[in-house]
Amino acid sequence: MEKRLICGNKYQVKNETIALPVVLEGLPNEIVIEGTSLVLKSPFHVSLVCIWKIIEKYGVVIPDFESAIINDFCSFVETNDVQLLHFRDDFRFVTQNDLKSVIVMCEVSNLEKFFELINRKYSLQMESPPTHVTLYTLPSKSGIFVTDASDVEKLTRKIENPIGRSL
């Protein structure tokens, strides 16, 4: 599925997920974690709202929920900039089935406030997602959705900084 730009072209939607594009340069093309070679994933982004996961996890049956959330998000960011604030010194090795990846956790402004808004509007009780950027994946494989604290606990574990410098 193609990604499309939304909200004045600052954000993108792909696979029912609203994301913030991120530019990272000067990273090694390949790293080895526990004997597994992982390759640089590019382009980079922070997944902000995984709409399909909300529908799946909370049993949402609202017609055209994806469009509604995208409209809510674009209205929200008119007065509440959602942007990358900084990367944390928190790198994680993520595994799920035959997928493996390395992510770096980050801080994003106003995202928690957006989730409070949609929780009220749609009578949901979602937590805001653990914001991160997928840096490396297995060759020709996708990243792994880490959408809540339970995913962080079950799918990830903290590792030493694999790139040898801060971001």
N, C-alpha and C. Protein backbone atom coordinates (compact mmCIF):
# COMPACT_ATOMS: atom_id res chain seq x y z
N MET A 1 0.83 -1.18 0.00
CA MET A 1 0.00 0.00 0.00
C MET A 1 0.88 1.24 0.00
N GLU A 2 0.51 2.20 -0.79
CA GLU A 2 1.24 3.46 -0.89
C GLU A 2 1.02 4.32 0.34
N LYS A 3 2.02 5.08 0.71
CA LYS A 3 1.80 6.05 1.77
C LYS A 3 1.28 7.35 1.15
N ARG A 4 0.45 8.04 1.91
CA ARG A 4 -0.05 9.33 1.44
C ARG A 4 0.20 10.36 2.52
N LEU A 5 0.47 11.56 2.08
CA LEU A 5 0.74 12.66 3.00
C LEU A 5 -0.57 13.28 3.46
N ILE A 6 -0.61 13.69 4.73
CA ILE A 6 -1.80 14.30 5.32
C ILE A 6 -1.42 15.52 6.14
N CYS A 7 -2.41 16.28 6.53
CA CYS A 7 -2.24 17.41 7.46
C CYS A 7 -1.17 18.39 6.95
N GLY A 8 -1.32 18.87 5.73
CA GLY A 8 -0.34 19.81 5.19
C GLY A 8 0.97 19.16 4.84
N ASN A 9 0.96 17.87 4.56
CA ASN A 9 2.13 17.10 4.11
C ASN A 9 3.19 16.87 5.18
N LYS A 10 2.89 17.12 6.45
CA LYS A 10 3.87 16.88 7.51
C LYS A 10 3.85 15.43 8.00
N TYR A 11 2.70 14.79 7.91
CA TYR A 11 2.52 13.43 8.41
C TYR A 11 2.15 12.53 7.24
N GLN A 12 2.22 11.22 7.46
CA GLN A 12 1.87 10.29 6.40
C GLN A 12 0.98 9.18 6.95
N VAL A 13 0.22 8.56 6.07
CA VAL A 13 -0.59 7.40 6.42
C VAL A 13 -0.20 6.26 5.50
N LYS A 14 0.08 5.12 6.11
CA LYS A 14 0.37 3.91 5.35
C LYS A 14 -0.09 2.73 6.20
N ASN A 15 -0.77 1.79 5.58
CA ASN A 15 -1.26 0.60 6.29
C ASN A 15 -2.07 0.98 7.53
N GLU A 16 -2.96 1.96 7.37
CA GLU A 16 -3.84 2.41 8.45
C GLU A 16 -3.07 2.89 9.68
N THR A 17 -1.92 3.50 9.45
CA THR A 17 -1.11 4.03 10.54
C THR A 17 -0.68 5.46 10.21
N ILE A 18 -0.93 6.38 11.15
CA ILE A 18 -0.46 7.76 10.99
C ILE A 18 0.98 7.80 11.53
N ALA A 19 1.88 8.37 10.73
CA ALA A 19 3.29 8.39 11.11
C ALA A 19 3.91 9.76 10.86
N LEU A 20 4.97 10.02 11.58
CA LEU A 20 5.76 11.23 11.43
C LEU A 20 7.10 10.85 10.79
N PRO A 21 7.36 11.30 9.55
CA PRO A 21 8.65 10.99 8.93
C PRO A 21 9.81 11.59 9.74
N VAL A 22 10.92 10.88 9.79
CA VAL A 22 12.11 11.29 10.54
C VAL A 22 13.33 11.09 9.65
N VAL A 23 14.25 12.04 9.69
CA VAL A 23 15.50 11.93 8.94
C VAL A 23 16.62 11.57 9.91
N LEU A 24 17.32 10.50 9.61
CA LEU A 24 18.50 10.07 10.37
C LEU A 24 19.61 9.79 9.36
N GLU A 25 20.79 10.28 9.65
CA GLU A 25 21.91 10.08 8.72
C GLU A 25 23.12 9.54 9.46
N GLY A 26 24.02 8.93 8.71
CA GLY A 26 25.29 8.48 9.26
C GLY A 26 25.22 7.23 10.10
N LEU A 27 24.19 6.43 9.91
CA LEU A 27 24.09 5.18 10.66
C LEU A 27 24.76 4.05 9.88
N PRO A 28 25.33 3.07 10.59
CA PRO A 28 25.91 1.92 9.88
C PRO A 28 24.83 1.21 9.06
N ASN A 29 25.21 0.71 7.89
CA ASN A 29 24.26 0.02 7.03
C ASN A 29 23.82 -1.33 7.59
N GLU A 30 24.65 -1.91 8.45
CA GLU A 30 24.36 -3.22 9.00
C GLU A 30 24.90 -3.31 10.41
N ILE A 31 24.19 -4.02 11.27
CA ILE A 31 24.66 -4.31 12.62
C ILE A 31 24.40 -5.78 12.90
N VAL A 32 25.08 -6.32 13.91
CA VAL A 32 24.86 -7.71 14.31
C VAL A 32 24.47 -7.70 15.78
N ILE A 33 23.30 -8.27 16.06
CA ILE A 33 22.80 -8.41 17.42
C ILE A 33 22.60 -9.89 17.70
N GLU A 34 23.31 -10.40 18.71
CA GLU A 34 23.21 -11.81 19.09
C GLU A 34 23.37 -12.74 17.89
N GLY A 35 24.33 -12.42 17.04
CA GLY A 35 24.63 -13.27 15.89
C GLY A 35 23.69 -13.08 14.71
N THR A 36 22.76 -12.15 14.80
CA THR A 36 21.80 -11.90 13.73
C THR A 36 22.16 -10.60 13.02
N SER A 37 22.35 -10.67 11.70
CA SER A 37 22.63 -9.47 10.91
C SER A 37 21.33 -8.74 10.61
N LEU A 38 21.33 -7.46 10.92
CA LEU A 38 20.17 -6.61 10.66
C LEU A 38 20.62 -5.46 9.78
N VAL A 39 19.75 -5.03 8.88
CA VAL A 39 20.10 -3.97 7.93
C VAL A 39 19.29 -2.71 8.23
N LEU A 40 19.87 -1.60 7.84
CA LEU A 40 19.25 -0.29 8.05
C LEU A 40 17.89 -0.24 7.37
N LYS A 41 16.89 0.23 8.10
CA LYS A 41 15.55 0.39 7.56
C LYS A 41 15.37 1.87 7.21
N SER A 42 14.97 2.12 6.02
CA SER A 42 14.79 3.51 5.61
C SER A 42 13.67 3.55 4.59
N PRO A 43 12.86 4.57 4.50
CA PRO A 43 12.91 5.78 5.31
C PRO A 43 12.41 5.51 6.73
N PHE A 44 12.78 6.43 7.62
CA PHE A 44 12.43 6.29 9.03
C PHE A 44 11.16 7.07 9.34
N HIS A 45 10.46 6.60 10.37
CA HIS A 45 9.27 7.31 10.84
C HIS A 45 8.97 6.90 12.28
N VAL A 46 8.17 7.72 12.95
CA VAL A 46 7.60 7.37 14.24
C VAL A 46 6.13 7.04 13.99
N SER A 47 5.70 5.84 14.31
CA SER A 47 4.28 5.49 14.21
C SER A 47 3.55 6.19 15.36
N LEU A 48 2.58 7.02 15.01
CA LEU A 48 1.88 7.82 16.01
C LEU A 48 0.54 7.18 16.41
N VAL A 49 -0.23 6.79 15.41
CA VAL A 49 -1.56 6.22 15.66
C VAL A 49 -1.75 5.00 14.76
N CYS A 50 -1.71 3.81 15.32
CA CYS A 50 -1.93 2.58 14.56
C CYS A 50 -3.42 2.30 14.56
N ILE A 51 -4.12 2.87 13.60
CA ILE A 51 -5.58 2.81 13.56
C ILE A 51 -6.08 1.37 13.49
N TRP A 52 -5.46 0.55 12.66
CA TRP A 52 -5.90 -0.84 12.52
C TRP A 52 -5.78 -1.59 13.84
N LYS A 53 -4.75 -1.27 14.63
CA LYS A 53 -4.54 -1.93 15.92
C LYS A 53 -5.62 -1.50 16.92
N ILE A 54 -6.03 -0.22 16.85
CA ILE A 54 -7.10 0.28 17.71
C ILE A 54 -8.39 -0.47 17.38
N ILE A 55 -8.69 -0.59 16.09
CA ILE A 55 -9.90 -1.29 15.65
C ILE A 55 -9.88 -2.73 16.14
N GLU A 56 -8.73 -3.39 15.96
CA GLU A 56 -8.58 -4.79 16.35
C GLU A 56 -8.67 -4.98 17.87
N LYS A 57 -7.92 -4.18 18.62
CA LYS A 57 -7.81 -4.37 20.06
C LYS A 57 -9.08 -3.97 20.81
N TYR A 58 -9.75 -2.92 20.34
CA TYR A 58 -10.91 -2.39 21.06
C TYR A 58 -12.24 -2.73 20.38
N GLY A 59 -12.20 -3.51 19.32
CA GLY A 59 -13.42 -3.93 18.66
C GLY A 59 -14.24 -2.77 18.11
N VAL A 60 -13.56 -1.76 17.61
CA VAL A 60 -14.24 -0.56 17.09
C VAL A 60 -15.05 -0.94 15.85
N VAL A 61 -16.33 -0.54 15.85
CA VAL A 61 -17.20 -0.82 14.71
C VAL A 61 -17.75 0.48 14.09
N ILE A 62 -17.14 1.58 14.39
CA ILE A 62 -17.56 2.87 13.84
C ILE A 62 -17.27 2.88 12.34
N PRO A 63 -18.28 3.18 11.51
CA PRO A 63 -18.05 3.23 10.06
C PRO A 63 -16.96 4.25 9.70
N ASP A 64 -16.07 3.86 8.80
CA ASP A 64 -15.00 4.72 8.31
C ASP A 64 -14.18 5.35 9.44
N PHE A 65 -13.86 4.51 10.43
CA PHE A 65 -13.10 4.96 11.60
C PHE A 65 -11.74 5.53 11.20
N GLU A 66 -11.10 4.94 10.20
CA GLU A 66 -9.79 5.44 9.76
C GLU A 66 -9.89 6.90 9.33
N SER A 67 -10.84 7.22 8.48
CA SER A 67 -11.01 8.61 8.03
C SER A 67 -11.33 9.54 9.19
N ALA A 68 -12.16 9.07 10.12
CA ALA A 68 -12.52 9.89 11.28
C ALA A 68 -11.28 10.21 12.12
N ILE A 69 -10.44 9.22 12.37
CA ILE A 69 -9.23 9.45 13.18
C ILE A 69 -8.26 10.37 12.44
N ILE A 70 -8.10 10.17 11.14
CA ILE A 70 -7.21 11.04 10.36
C ILE A 70 -7.72 12.48 10.42
N ASN A 71 -9.02 12.68 10.26
CA ASN A 71 -9.59 14.03 10.37
C ASN A 71 -9.39 14.61 11.76
N ASP A 72 -9.62 13.80 12.79
CA ASP A 72 -9.39 14.25 14.16
C ASP A 72 -7.94 14.66 14.36
N PHE A 73 -7.03 13.86 13.83
CA PHE A 73 -5.60 14.14 13.99
C PHE A 73 -5.23 15.44 13.29
N CYS A 74 -5.68 15.60 12.06
CA CYS A 74 -5.33 16.82 11.32
C CYS A 74 -5.92 18.06 11.98
N SER A 75 -7.12 17.96 12.52
CA SER A 75 -7.70 19.08 13.27
C SER A 75 -6.88 19.37 14.52
N PHE A 76 -6.48 18.31 15.22
CA PHE A 76 -5.70 18.43 16.45
C PHE A 76 -4.37 19.13 16.20
N VAL A 77 -3.66 18.74 15.14
CA VAL A 77 -2.32 19.29 14.92
C VAL A 77 -2.34 20.72 14.39
N GLU A 78 -3.51 21.23 14.05
CA GLU A 78 -3.61 22.65 13.68
C GLU A 78 -3.23 23.54 14.85
N THR A 79 -3.49 23.09 16.08
CA THR A 79 -3.18 23.90 17.26
C THR A 79 -2.25 23.19 18.26
N ASN A 80 -1.90 21.93 17.98
CA ASN A 80 -1.04 21.14 18.88
C ASN A 80 -0.01 20.41 18.03
N ASP A 81 1.16 20.99 17.89
CA ASP A 81 2.16 20.38 17.04
C ASP A 81 2.62 19.05 17.62
N VAL A 82 2.53 18.01 16.83
CA VAL A 82 3.02 16.70 17.22
C VAL A 82 4.34 16.51 16.49
N GLN A 83 5.44 16.57 17.27
CA GLN A 83 6.76 16.51 16.66
C GLN A 83 7.72 15.71 17.53
N LEU A 84 8.77 15.25 16.90
CA LEU A 84 9.83 14.53 17.61
C LEU A 84 10.59 15.52 18.48
N LEU A 85 10.65 15.25 19.77
CA LEU A 85 11.39 16.12 20.68
C LEU A 85 12.84 15.68 20.81
N HIS A 86 13.04 14.39 21.07
CA HIS A 86 14.40 13.85 21.18
C HIS A 86 14.35 12.32 21.25
N PHE A 87 15.50 11.73 20.96
CA PHE A 87 15.67 10.29 21.12
C PHE A 87 16.14 10.02 22.53
N ARG A 88 15.68 8.93 23.11
CA ARG A 88 16.15 8.52 24.42
C ARG A 88 17.32 7.55 24.22
N ASP A 89 18.13 7.41 25.24
CA ASP A 89 19.21 6.43 25.20
C ASP A 89 18.61 5.08 25.61
N ASP A 90 17.68 4.61 24.78
CA ASP A 90 16.93 3.39 25.08
C ASP A 90 16.73 2.63 23.77
N PHE A 91 17.69 1.74 23.49
CA PHE A 91 17.64 0.91 22.30
C PHE A 91 17.08 -0.45 22.71
N ARG A 92 16.27 -1.04 21.82
CA ARG A 92 15.63 -2.31 22.15
C ARG A 92 15.69 -3.27 20.98
N PHE A 93 15.92 -4.53 21.31
CA PHE A 93 15.89 -5.62 20.34
C PHE A 93 14.47 -6.19 20.40
N VAL A 94 13.81 -6.23 19.26
CA VAL A 94 12.41 -6.65 19.19
C VAL A 94 12.34 -7.96 18.42
N THR A 95 11.61 -8.92 18.96
CA THR A 95 11.42 -10.20 18.26
C THR A 95 9.96 -10.59 18.31
N GLN A 96 9.48 -11.10 17.18
CA GLN A 96 8.11 -11.63 17.10
C GLN A 96 8.08 -12.62 15.95
N ASN A 97 7.78 -13.87 16.28
CA ASN A 97 7.76 -14.94 15.29
C ASN A 97 9.10 -14.94 14.53
N ASP A 98 9.08 -14.80 13.19
CA ASP A 98 10.32 -14.83 12.42
C ASP A 98 10.89 -13.43 12.16
N LEU A 99 10.36 -12.42 12.84
CA LEU A 99 10.84 -11.04 12.64
C LEU A 99 11.75 -10.62 13.78
N LYS A 100 12.74 -9.79 13.43
CA LYS A 100 13.63 -9.21 14.43
C LYS A 100 13.94 -7.79 13.99
N SER A 101 14.07 -6.89 14.95
CA SER A 101 14.41 -5.51 14.62
C SER A 101 15.05 -4.83 15.82
N VAL A 102 15.62 -3.66 15.56
CA VAL A 102 16.15 -2.80 16.62
C VAL A 102 15.43 -1.47 16.52
N ILE A 103 14.93 -1.01 17.68
CA ILE A 103 14.26 0.28 17.75
C ILE A 103 14.97 1.18 18.74
N VAL A 104 14.76 2.48 18.59
CA VAL A 104 15.20 3.44 19.59
C VAL A 104 13.96 4.20 20.05
N MET A 105 13.80 4.30 21.35
CA MET A 105 12.66 4.99 21.91
C MET A 105 12.87 6.50 21.79
N CYS A 106 11.75 7.23 21.69
CA CYS A 106 11.84 8.68 21.54
C CYS A 106 10.66 9.36 22.22
N GLU A 107 10.78 10.66 22.37
CA GLU A 107 9.72 11.48 22.95
C GLU A 107 9.09 12.30 21.84
N VAL A 108 7.75 12.35 21.85
CA VAL A 108 6.99 13.09 20.85
C VAL A 108 6.03 14.02 21.59
N SER A 109 5.96 15.26 21.16
CA SER A 109 5.10 16.23 21.83
C SER A 109 3.62 16.00 21.52
N ASN A 110 2.79 16.23 22.51
CA ASN A 110 1.32 16.29 22.40
C ASN A 110 0.61 15.01 22.00
N LEU A 111 1.31 13.91 21.85
CA LEU A 111 0.63 12.69 21.43
C LEU A 111 -0.30 12.16 22.53
N GLU A 112 0.15 12.24 23.77
CA GLU A 112 -0.70 11.79 24.87
C GLU A 112 -1.99 12.62 24.91
N LYS A 113 -1.88 13.90 24.66
CA LYS A 113 -3.04 14.79 24.62
C LYS A 113 -4.01 14.38 23.50
N PHE A 114 -3.48 13.97 22.34
CA PHE A 114 -4.34 13.51 21.26
C PHE A 114 -5.09 12.23 21.66
N PHE A 115 -4.40 11.30 22.32
CA PHE A 115 -5.06 10.07 22.74
C PHE A 115 -6.13 10.35 23.80
N GLU A 116 -5.90 11.32 24.66
CA GLU A 116 -6.94 11.72 25.61
C GLU A 116 -8.18 12.21 24.87
N LEU A 117 -7.96 12.99 23.82
CA LEU A 117 -9.07 13.51 23.01
C LEU A 117 -9.87 12.38 22.35
N ILE A 118 -9.19 11.45 21.71
CA ILE A 118 -9.94 10.39 21.02
C ILE A 118 -10.54 9.39 22.01
N ASN A 119 -9.92 9.24 23.18
CA ASN A 119 -10.54 8.40 24.21
C ASN A 119 -11.88 8.98 24.64
N ARG A 120 -11.92 10.28 24.85
CA ARG A 120 -13.17 10.95 25.23
C ARG A 120 -14.19 10.87 24.10
N LYS A 121 -13.75 11.20 22.89
CA LYS A 121 -14.66 11.28 21.75
C LYS A 121 -15.28 9.93 21.41
N TYR A 122 -14.51 8.85 21.48
CA TYR A 122 -14.99 7.54 21.06
C TYR A 122 -15.21 6.57 22.23
N SER A 123 -15.18 7.09 23.45
CA SER A 123 -15.40 6.28 24.66
C SER A 123 -14.46 5.07 24.70
N LEU A 124 -13.18 5.32 24.49
CA LEU A 124 -12.16 4.28 24.53
C LEU A 124 -11.27 4.50 25.75
N GLN A 125 -10.42 3.55 26.04
CA GLN A 125 -9.47 3.67 27.14
C GLN A 125 -8.09 3.23 26.68
N MET A 126 -7.60 3.93 25.66
CA MET A 126 -6.29 3.58 25.08
C MET A 126 -5.18 4.35 25.78
N GLU A 127 -4.04 3.72 25.87
CA GLU A 127 -2.85 4.44 26.30
C GLU A 127 -2.16 4.99 25.06
N SER A 128 -1.42 6.08 25.24
CA SER A 128 -0.67 6.56 24.08
C SER A 128 0.47 5.57 23.83
N PRO A 129 0.88 5.43 22.57
CA PRO A 129 1.85 4.38 22.23
C PRO A 129 3.26 4.71 22.72
N PRO A 130 4.08 3.67 22.90
CA PRO A 130 5.49 3.87 23.23
C PRO A 130 6.21 4.33 21.95
N THR A 131 6.47 5.60 21.84
CA THR A 131 7.01 6.15 20.60
C THR A 131 8.46 5.71 20.38
N HIS A 132 8.71 5.33 19.14
CA HIS A 132 10.02 4.79 18.78
C HIS A 132 10.21 4.88 17.27
N VAL A 133 11.46 4.69 16.86
CA VAL A 133 11.81 4.59 15.44
C VAL A 133 12.48 3.25 15.23
N THR A 134 12.01 2.50 14.24
CA THR A 134 12.68 1.25 13.87
C THR A 134 13.91 1.61 13.05
N LEU A 135 15.07 1.19 13.53
CA LEU A 135 16.33 1.50 12.86
C LEU A 135 16.80 0.37 11.95
N TYR A 136 16.65 -0.87 12.42
CA TYR A 136 17.18 -2.03 11.69
C TYR A 136 16.16 -3.17 11.70
N THR A 137 16.14 -3.92 10.60
CA THR A 137 15.28 -5.10 10.48
C THR A 137 16.10 -6.21 9.82
N LEU A 138 15.54 -7.40 9.80
CA LEU A 138 16.12 -8.46 8.99
C LEU A 138 16.03 -8.04 7.52
N PRO A 139 16.98 -8.48 6.69
CA PRO A 139 16.92 -8.11 5.27
C PRO A 139 15.57 -8.50 4.65
N SER A 140 14.99 -7.58 3.90
CA SER A 140 13.72 -7.79 3.19
C SER A 140 12.54 -8.12 4.10
N LYS A 141 12.63 -7.75 5.36
CA LYS A 141 11.53 -7.97 6.30
C LYS A 141 11.05 -6.63 6.86
N SER A 142 9.83 -6.65 7.36
CA SER A 142 9.27 -5.42 7.92
C SER A 142 9.64 -5.29 9.39
N GLY A 143 9.30 -4.13 9.95
CA GLY A 143 9.45 -3.92 11.37
C GLY A 143 8.32 -4.63 12.12
N ILE A 144 8.30 -4.44 13.42
CA ILE A 144 7.32 -5.09 14.29
C ILE A 144 6.53 -4.00 15.00
N PHE A 145 5.21 -4.07 14.94
CA PHE A 145 4.39 -3.06 15.61
C PHE A 145 4.52 -3.20 17.12
N VAL A 146 4.97 -2.14 17.77
CA VAL A 146 5.06 -2.05 19.23
C VAL A 146 4.13 -0.90 19.59
N THR A 147 2.89 -1.23 19.99
CA THR A 147 1.87 -0.20 20.11
C THR A 147 1.41 0.13 21.52
N ASP A 148 1.88 -0.65 22.51
CA ASP A 148 1.50 -0.34 23.89
C ASP A 148 2.54 -0.91 24.85
N ALA A 149 2.34 -0.62 26.13
CA ALA A 149 3.31 -1.07 27.15
C ALA A 149 3.43 -2.58 27.19
N SER A 150 2.33 -3.27 26.93
CA SER A 150 2.36 -4.73 26.91
C SER A 150 3.29 -5.25 25.81
N ASP A 151 3.24 -4.62 24.63
CA ASP A 151 4.15 -5.01 23.54
C ASP A 151 5.60 -4.77 23.93
N VAL A 152 5.87 -3.64 24.58
CA VAL A 152 7.25 -3.35 25.01
C VAL A 152 7.73 -4.45 25.95
N GLU A 153 6.87 -4.83 26.88
CA GLU A 153 7.24 -5.85 27.86
C GLU A 153 7.43 -7.23 27.22
N LYS A 154 6.52 -7.61 26.32
CA LYS A 154 6.53 -8.97 25.75
C LYS A 154 7.48 -9.14 24.57
N LEU A 155 7.64 -8.09 23.76
CA LEU A 155 8.37 -8.24 22.49
C LEU A 155 9.77 -7.66 22.50
N THR A 156 10.09 -6.81 23.47
CA THR A 156 11.38 -6.11 23.42
C THR A 156 12.22 -6.39 24.66
N ARG A 157 13.51 -6.15 24.47
CA ARG A 157 14.40 -6.08 25.63
C ARG A 157 15.49 -5.07 25.34
N LYS A 158 15.86 -4.37 26.39
CA LYS A 158 16.85 -3.31 26.28
C LYS A 158 18.21 -3.89 25.89
N ILE A 159 18.89 -3.18 24.98
CA ILE A 159 20.24 -3.58 24.56
C ILE A 159 21.16 -2.37 24.64
N GLU A 160 22.45 -2.64 24.61
CA GLU A 160 23.43 -1.56 24.52
C GLU A 160 23.26 -0.82 23.20
N ASN A 161 23.61 0.43 23.18
CA ASN A 161 23.54 1.23 21.95
C ASN A 161 24.35 0.54 20.84
N PRO A 162 23.69 0.07 19.78
CA PRO A 162 24.40 -0.68 18.76
C PRO A 162 25.10 0.18 17.70
N ILE A 163 24.90 1.49 17.75
CA ILE A 163 25.49 2.34 16.71
C ILE A 163 26.68 3.14 17.21
N GLY A 164 26.96 3.05 18.50
CA GLY A 164 28.17 3.66 19.03
C GLY A 164 28.13 5.17 19.20
N ARG A 165 26.96 5.79 19.08
CA ARG A 165 26.83 7.22 19.32
C ARG A 165 25.38 7.54 19.61
N SER A 166 25.15 8.70 20.19
CA SER A 166 23.75 9.07 20.45
C SER A 166 23.14 9.66 19.19
N LEU A 167 21.83 9.65 19.15
CA LEU A 167 21.10 10.19 17.99
C LEU A 167 20.64 11.60 18.26
